[in-house]
Structures are given as C-alpha cells and as structure tokens.
Amino acid sequence: MGRFAFGFVLVALLTSAAGAADKPMRFWNLTSDTIVDFRTAPAGTGDFGPNQCANDRDGAVDHDERLRITGIAPGRYDAKLTFKDGRVCTVRNIEIRDGAVFAIEDKDLTECSK
C-alpha cells in the first residue's frame, strides 16, 4: 500500500508541474492607462528586449487586459512601459514565474517620465 501511495503522489506532482509549464507567462495591466510598449530586461541590466505588445492582436494592453509574455525565462526582471499618452515608466525587480500571471498597478509606477 505504501508504494501505491508514493506512486500516486509522484504522478500527481509531475502532472501539476507539467500543467504549469503548459500555461504561458502573462502580464496583467492593472494600471489605469493603455500600454503600447512593454519590454523586459533581466533585473539591473538595462538590456530591454522586444516589445511584448506585439503579442496582442491590437498591439496594446488596455486596463484590466492580460498579455502573453514570450521569449524570456522565469526570473527577476525590470519592465519598461510606454503608455498611450507617451509617458514612460520603469518598474524594477518584478518576479516572473513560469505559467503565472504577474501584475503592475498604478502604485508600482514610481519611475516615470514624459
């Protein structure tokens, strides 16, 4: 009976891990404005990658919309957001996990310029 229980737990853990890997990383825009350019860089590097808004059908991420994030590995990132009105903000040290949703809110926008 002990081997059966161990096997069941092992299969359950592997199945849940595989399920998380199948889900995309997604950004949830909880700011009050539309984002037209969203880029990530490994935390502290300033090496920002391509515009993730290209992954959206209309090329922008409205308030309360989610955006699929591609081409990066899980880890800590800085994000550069450009809003429809031209304001540019950087949010530092965001944890992005495999298969998870991460959000940015207005209160996170502390480094902005226009």
N, C-alpha and C. Protein backbone atom coordinates (compact mmCIF):
# COMPACT_ATOMS: atom_id res chain seq x y z
N MET A 1 0.82 -1.20 0.00
CA MET A 1 0.00 0.00 0.00
C MET A 1 0.87 1.26 0.00
N GLY A 2 2.01 1.25 0.71
CA GLY A 2 2.90 2.40 0.79
C GLY A 2 3.47 2.77 -0.57
N ARG A 3 3.82 1.77 -1.36
CA ARG A 3 4.36 2.05 -2.70
C ARG A 3 3.30 2.67 -3.60
N PHE A 4 2.07 2.20 -3.46
CA PHE A 4 0.97 2.75 -4.26
C PHE A 4 0.77 4.23 -3.92
N ALA A 5 0.76 4.57 -2.64
CA ALA A 5 0.56 5.96 -2.21
C ALA A 5 1.72 6.83 -2.71
N PHE A 6 2.95 6.35 -2.60
CA PHE A 6 4.10 7.09 -3.07
C PHE A 6 4.00 7.33 -4.58
N GLY A 7 3.64 6.29 -5.32
CA GLY A 7 3.50 6.41 -6.77
C GLY A 7 2.42 7.40 -7.16
N PHE A 8 1.31 7.38 -6.42
CA PHE A 8 0.22 8.30 -6.69
C PHE A 8 0.67 9.75 -6.45
N VAL A 9 1.36 10.00 -5.35
CA VAL A 9 1.85 11.34 -5.04
C VAL A 9 2.86 11.80 -6.10
N LEU A 10 3.74 10.92 -6.52
CA LEU A 10 4.73 11.25 -7.54
C LEU A 10 4.05 11.62 -8.86
N VAL A 11 3.07 10.85 -9.29
CA VAL A 11 2.35 11.14 -10.53
C VAL A 11 1.61 12.47 -10.41
N ALA A 12 1.00 12.74 -9.27
CA ALA A 12 0.27 13.99 -9.07
C ALA A 12 1.22 15.19 -9.15
N LEU A 13 2.39 15.08 -8.54
CA LEU A 13 3.36 16.17 -8.59
C LEU A 13 3.86 16.41 -10.01
N LEU A 14 4.15 15.36 -10.72
CA LEU A 14 4.63 15.51 -12.10
C LEU A 14 3.56 16.10 -13.00
N THR A 15 2.33 15.69 -12.80
CA THR A 15 1.23 16.20 -13.61
C THR A 15 1.02 17.69 -13.35
N SER A 16 1.08 18.12 -12.09
CA SER A 16 0.88 19.54 -11.80
C SER A 16 2.03 20.37 -12.33
N ALA A 17 3.24 19.87 -12.27
CA ALA A 17 4.40 20.59 -12.82
C ALA A 17 4.28 20.71 -14.33
N ALA A 18 3.86 19.65 -14.98
CA ALA A 18 3.70 19.69 -16.43
C ALA A 18 2.59 20.67 -16.82
N GLY A 19 1.53 20.73 -16.04
CA GLY A 19 0.42 21.65 -16.31
C GLY A 19 0.87 23.09 -16.22
N ALA A 20 1.70 23.44 -15.23
CA ALA A 20 2.19 24.80 -15.09
C ALA A 20 3.08 25.18 -16.26
N ALA A 21 3.86 24.23 -16.75
CA ALA A 21 4.74 24.51 -17.88
C ALA A 21 3.95 24.77 -19.16
N ASP A 22 2.74 24.24 -19.26
CA ASP A 22 1.91 24.44 -20.43
C ASP A 22 1.26 25.82 -20.46
N LYS A 23 1.12 26.46 -19.30
CA LYS A 23 0.48 27.76 -19.23
C LYS A 23 1.52 28.84 -19.57
N PRO A 24 1.09 29.85 -20.31
CA PRO A 24 2.04 30.92 -20.65
C PRO A 24 2.24 31.89 -19.48
N MET A 25 3.36 32.57 -19.50
CA MET A 25 3.56 33.69 -18.58
C MET A 25 2.70 34.82 -19.10
N ARG A 26 2.01 35.51 -18.19
CA ARG A 26 1.15 36.60 -18.65
C ARG A 26 1.28 37.81 -17.74
N PHE A 27 1.20 38.99 -18.35
CA PHE A 27 1.19 40.26 -17.65
C PHE A 27 -0.24 40.75 -17.57
N TRP A 28 -0.64 41.24 -16.40
CA TRP A 28 -1.99 41.76 -16.18
C TRP A 28 -1.87 43.26 -15.93
N ASN A 29 -2.39 44.06 -16.84
CA ASN A 29 -2.32 45.52 -16.74
C ASN A 29 -3.38 46.02 -15.78
N LEU A 30 -2.95 46.32 -14.56
CA LEU A 30 -3.85 46.89 -13.57
C LEU A 30 -3.60 48.38 -13.38
N THR A 31 -2.89 49.00 -14.34
CA THR A 31 -2.76 50.45 -14.33
C THR A 31 -4.04 51.02 -14.92
N SER A 32 -4.20 52.32 -14.79
CA SER A 32 -5.43 52.94 -15.29
C SER A 32 -5.33 53.36 -16.76
N ASP A 33 -4.19 53.07 -17.41
CA ASP A 33 -3.98 53.52 -18.79
C ASP A 33 -3.62 52.35 -19.72
N THR A 34 -3.72 52.63 -21.02
CA THR A 34 -3.36 51.66 -22.05
C THR A 34 -1.86 51.68 -22.29
N ILE A 35 -1.25 50.50 -22.34
CA ILE A 35 0.18 50.36 -22.58
C ILE A 35 0.37 49.99 -24.05
N VAL A 36 1.27 50.73 -24.74
CA VAL A 36 1.52 50.46 -26.16
C VAL A 36 2.89 49.85 -26.40
N ASP A 37 3.75 49.84 -25.38
CA ASP A 37 5.07 49.23 -25.49
C ASP A 37 5.43 48.66 -24.12
N PHE A 38 5.73 47.37 -24.06
CA PHE A 38 6.06 46.70 -22.80
C PHE A 38 7.30 45.85 -23.05
N ARG A 39 8.39 46.18 -22.37
CA ARG A 39 9.66 45.47 -22.58
C ARG A 39 10.21 45.03 -21.23
N THR A 40 10.93 43.91 -21.24
CA THR A 40 11.56 43.41 -20.01
C THR A 40 13.07 43.30 -20.20
N ALA A 41 13.77 43.42 -19.07
CA ALA A 41 15.23 43.25 -19.04
C ALA A 41 15.56 42.49 -17.76
N PRO A 42 16.53 41.59 -17.81
CA PRO A 42 16.95 40.97 -16.55
C PRO A 42 17.24 42.07 -15.53
N ALA A 43 16.77 41.90 -14.30
CA ALA A 43 16.85 42.94 -13.28
C ALA A 43 18.24 43.56 -13.19
N GLY A 44 18.28 44.88 -13.26
CA GLY A 44 19.52 45.63 -13.09
C GLY A 44 20.39 45.77 -14.33
N THR A 45 20.00 45.17 -15.47
CA THR A 45 20.88 45.19 -16.64
C THR A 45 20.60 46.32 -17.61
N GLY A 46 19.36 46.77 -17.72
CA GLY A 46 19.00 47.78 -18.71
C GLY A 46 18.97 47.25 -20.13
N ASP A 47 19.09 45.94 -20.30
CA ASP A 47 19.12 45.29 -21.61
C ASP A 47 17.70 44.85 -21.99
N PHE A 48 16.86 45.83 -22.37
CA PHE A 48 15.45 45.55 -22.64
C PHE A 48 15.27 44.84 -23.97
N GLY A 49 14.40 43.86 -23.97
CA GLY A 49 14.13 43.06 -25.14
C GLY A 49 13.04 43.66 -26.00
N PRO A 50 12.46 42.83 -26.88
CA PRO A 50 11.44 43.30 -27.83
C PRO A 50 10.14 43.71 -27.14
N ASN A 51 9.36 44.47 -27.88
CA ASN A 51 8.06 44.94 -27.41
C ASN A 51 7.08 43.77 -27.31
N GLN A 52 6.71 43.41 -26.10
CA GLN A 52 5.78 42.30 -25.89
C GLN A 52 4.36 42.64 -26.35
N CYS A 53 4.04 43.93 -26.52
CA CYS A 53 2.72 44.30 -27.01
C CYS A 53 2.47 43.76 -28.42
N ALA A 54 3.53 43.39 -29.12
CA ALA A 54 3.38 42.77 -30.44
C ALA A 54 2.66 41.43 -30.34
N ASN A 55 2.59 40.86 -29.13
CA ASN A 55 1.88 39.59 -28.92
C ASN A 55 0.37 39.77 -28.83
N ASP A 56 -0.09 41.00 -28.80
CA ASP A 56 -1.52 41.29 -28.68
C ASP A 56 -2.10 41.63 -30.05
N ARG A 57 -3.33 41.26 -30.28
CA ARG A 57 -3.96 41.48 -31.60
C ARG A 57 -3.97 42.94 -32.02
N ASP A 58 -4.26 43.85 -31.07
CA ASP A 58 -4.31 45.27 -31.44
C ASP A 58 -3.04 46.02 -31.08
N GLY A 59 -2.02 45.32 -30.59
CA GLY A 59 -0.73 45.93 -30.30
C GLY A 59 -0.70 46.80 -29.06
N ALA A 60 -1.70 46.67 -28.21
CA ALA A 60 -1.77 47.47 -26.98
C ALA A 60 -2.41 46.64 -25.88
N VAL A 61 -2.15 47.03 -24.63
CA VAL A 61 -2.71 46.32 -23.49
C VAL A 61 -3.55 47.32 -22.69
N ASP A 62 -4.85 47.18 -22.79
CA ASP A 62 -5.76 48.08 -22.09
C ASP A 62 -5.80 47.75 -20.60
N HIS A 63 -6.39 48.67 -19.82
CA HIS A 63 -6.60 48.43 -18.39
C HIS A 63 -7.36 47.10 -18.21
N ASP A 64 -6.90 46.30 -17.28
CA ASP A 64 -7.51 45.01 -16.91
C ASP A 64 -7.39 43.95 -18.01
N GLU A 65 -6.51 44.16 -18.96
CA GLU A 65 -6.26 43.16 -20.01
C GLU A 65 -4.98 42.40 -19.66
N ARG A 66 -4.92 41.15 -20.10
CA ARG A 66 -3.73 40.32 -19.89
C ARG A 66 -2.99 40.14 -21.21
N LEU A 67 -1.67 40.05 -21.10
CA LEU A 67 -0.80 39.95 -22.27
C LEU A 67 0.11 38.75 -22.11
N ARG A 68 0.16 37.92 -23.13
CA ARG A 68 1.07 36.77 -23.14
C ARG A 68 2.51 37.27 -23.28
N ILE A 69 3.40 36.77 -22.42
CA ILE A 69 4.81 37.15 -22.44
C ILE A 69 5.60 36.00 -23.05
N THR A 70 6.42 36.29 -24.04
CA THR A 70 7.18 35.25 -24.73
C THR A 70 8.66 35.60 -24.78
N GLY A 71 9.47 34.59 -25.00
CA GLY A 71 10.89 34.80 -25.25
C GLY A 71 11.75 35.07 -24.03
N ILE A 72 11.22 34.87 -22.83
CA ILE A 72 12.02 35.07 -21.62
C ILE A 72 11.87 33.86 -20.72
N ALA A 73 12.85 33.65 -19.86
CA ALA A 73 12.81 32.57 -18.87
C ALA A 73 12.29 33.14 -17.55
N PRO A 74 11.75 32.30 -16.69
CA PRO A 74 11.33 32.77 -15.37
C PRO A 74 12.51 33.42 -14.65
N GLY A 75 12.21 34.44 -13.85
CA GLY A 75 13.26 35.13 -13.10
C GLY A 75 12.82 36.50 -12.66
N ARG A 76 13.77 37.33 -12.28
CA ARG A 76 13.51 38.71 -11.84
C ARG A 76 13.85 39.65 -12.98
N TYR A 77 12.93 40.56 -13.26
CA TYR A 77 13.05 41.47 -14.40
C TYR A 77 12.69 42.90 -14.02
N ASP A 78 13.24 43.83 -14.79
CA ASP A 78 12.77 45.21 -14.80
C ASP A 78 11.87 45.32 -16.02
N ALA A 79 10.82 46.12 -15.91
CA ALA A 79 9.89 46.31 -17.02
C ALA A 79 9.84 47.78 -17.39
N LYS A 80 9.84 48.05 -18.69
CA LYS A 80 9.68 49.42 -19.19
C LYS A 80 8.35 49.47 -19.93
N LEU A 81 7.49 50.37 -19.47
CA LEU A 81 6.15 50.51 -20.03
C LEU A 81 6.01 51.87 -20.68
N THR A 82 5.50 51.90 -21.89
CA THR A 82 5.17 53.17 -22.55
C THR A 82 3.66 53.21 -22.70
N PHE A 83 3.07 54.29 -22.20
CA PHE A 83 1.63 54.43 -22.24
C PHE A 83 1.19 55.19 -23.48
N LYS A 84 -0.08 55.07 -23.79
CA LYS A 84 -0.66 55.69 -24.98
C LYS A 84 -0.41 57.20 -25.01
N ASP A 85 -0.34 57.84 -23.84
CA ASP A 85 -0.13 59.29 -23.78
C ASP A 85 1.35 59.68 -23.88
N GLY A 86 2.26 58.69 -24.05
CA GLY A 86 3.69 58.97 -24.20
C GLY A 86 4.50 58.85 -22.93
N ARG A 87 3.85 58.70 -21.79
CA ARG A 87 4.56 58.53 -20.52
C ARG A 87 5.30 57.21 -20.52
N VAL A 88 6.55 57.21 -20.02
CA VAL A 88 7.37 56.00 -19.95
C VAL A 88 7.70 55.75 -18.48
N CYS A 89 7.45 54.53 -18.02
CA CYS A 89 7.73 54.16 -16.63
C CYS A 89 8.55 52.88 -16.59
N THR A 90 9.41 52.80 -15.58
CA THR A 90 10.19 51.59 -15.35
C THR A 90 9.80 51.04 -13.99
N VAL A 91 9.51 49.76 -13.94
CA VAL A 91 9.19 49.06 -12.70
C VAL A 91 10.28 48.03 -12.50
N ARG A 92 10.91 48.07 -11.35
CA ARG A 92 12.09 47.23 -11.11
C ARG A 92 11.80 45.99 -10.28
N ASN A 93 12.60 44.96 -10.59
CA ASN A 93 12.66 43.73 -9.79
C ASN A 93 11.32 43.00 -9.67
N ILE A 94 10.70 42.74 -10.79
CA ILE A 94 9.44 42.00 -10.83
C ILE A 94 9.76 40.52 -10.94
N GLU A 95 9.10 39.71 -10.15
CA GLU A 95 9.28 38.27 -10.27
C GLU A 95 8.31 37.73 -11.31
N ILE A 96 8.86 37.07 -12.32
CA ILE A 96 8.04 36.45 -13.37
C ILE A 96 8.26 34.95 -13.27
N ARG A 97 7.17 34.23 -12.99
CA ARG A 97 7.25 32.77 -12.80
C ARG A 97 6.61 32.05 -13.98
N ASP A 98 7.12 30.87 -14.24
CA ASP A 98 6.62 30.04 -15.33
C ASP A 98 5.15 29.72 -15.11
N GLY A 99 4.32 29.96 -16.11
CA GLY A 99 2.91 29.62 -16.05
C GLY A 99 2.08 30.51 -15.14
N ALA A 100 2.63 31.65 -14.70
CA ALA A 100 1.93 32.51 -13.76
C ALA A 100 1.59 33.86 -14.38
N VAL A 101 0.70 34.57 -13.71
CA VAL A 101 0.32 35.92 -14.10
C VAL A 101 0.97 36.89 -13.12
N PHE A 102 1.60 37.95 -13.63
CA PHE A 102 2.12 39.00 -12.77
C PHE A 102 1.44 40.30 -13.17
N ALA A 103 1.24 41.18 -12.20
CA ALA A 103 0.50 42.41 -12.44
C ALA A 103 1.35 43.63 -12.10
N ILE A 104 1.04 44.72 -12.77
CA ILE A 104 1.60 46.03 -12.43
C ILE A 104 0.41 46.96 -12.25
N GLU A 105 0.44 47.70 -11.12
CA GLU A 105 -0.62 48.63 -10.77
C GLU A 105 -0.08 50.05 -10.78
N ASP A 106 -0.98 51.03 -10.71
CA ASP A 106 -0.57 52.44 -10.68
C ASP A 106 0.41 52.70 -9.54
N LYS A 107 0.21 52.09 -8.39
CA LYS A 107 1.08 52.32 -7.24
C LYS A 107 2.53 51.85 -7.49
N ASP A 108 2.74 50.97 -8.47
CA ASP A 108 4.08 50.47 -8.80
C ASP A 108 4.84 51.44 -9.71
N LEU A 109 4.17 52.42 -10.27
CA LEU A 109 4.76 53.34 -11.25
C LEU A 109 5.44 54.50 -10.54
N THR A 110 6.66 54.28 -10.07
CA THR A 110 7.37 55.30 -9.30
C THR A 110 8.48 55.97 -10.11
N GLU A 111 8.93 55.36 -11.19
CA GLU A 111 9.99 55.94 -12.05
C GLU A 111 9.39 56.24 -13.41
N CYS A 112 8.86 57.46 -13.57
CA CYS A 112 8.19 57.80 -14.82
C CYS A 112 8.70 59.13 -15.39
N SER A 113 8.62 59.24 -16.71
CA SER A 113 8.96 60.49 -17.40
C SER A 113 8.05 60.64 -18.60
N LYS A 114 7.99 61.84 -19.11
CA LYS A 114 7.15 62.06 -20.29
C LYS A 114 7.93 62.73 -21.38
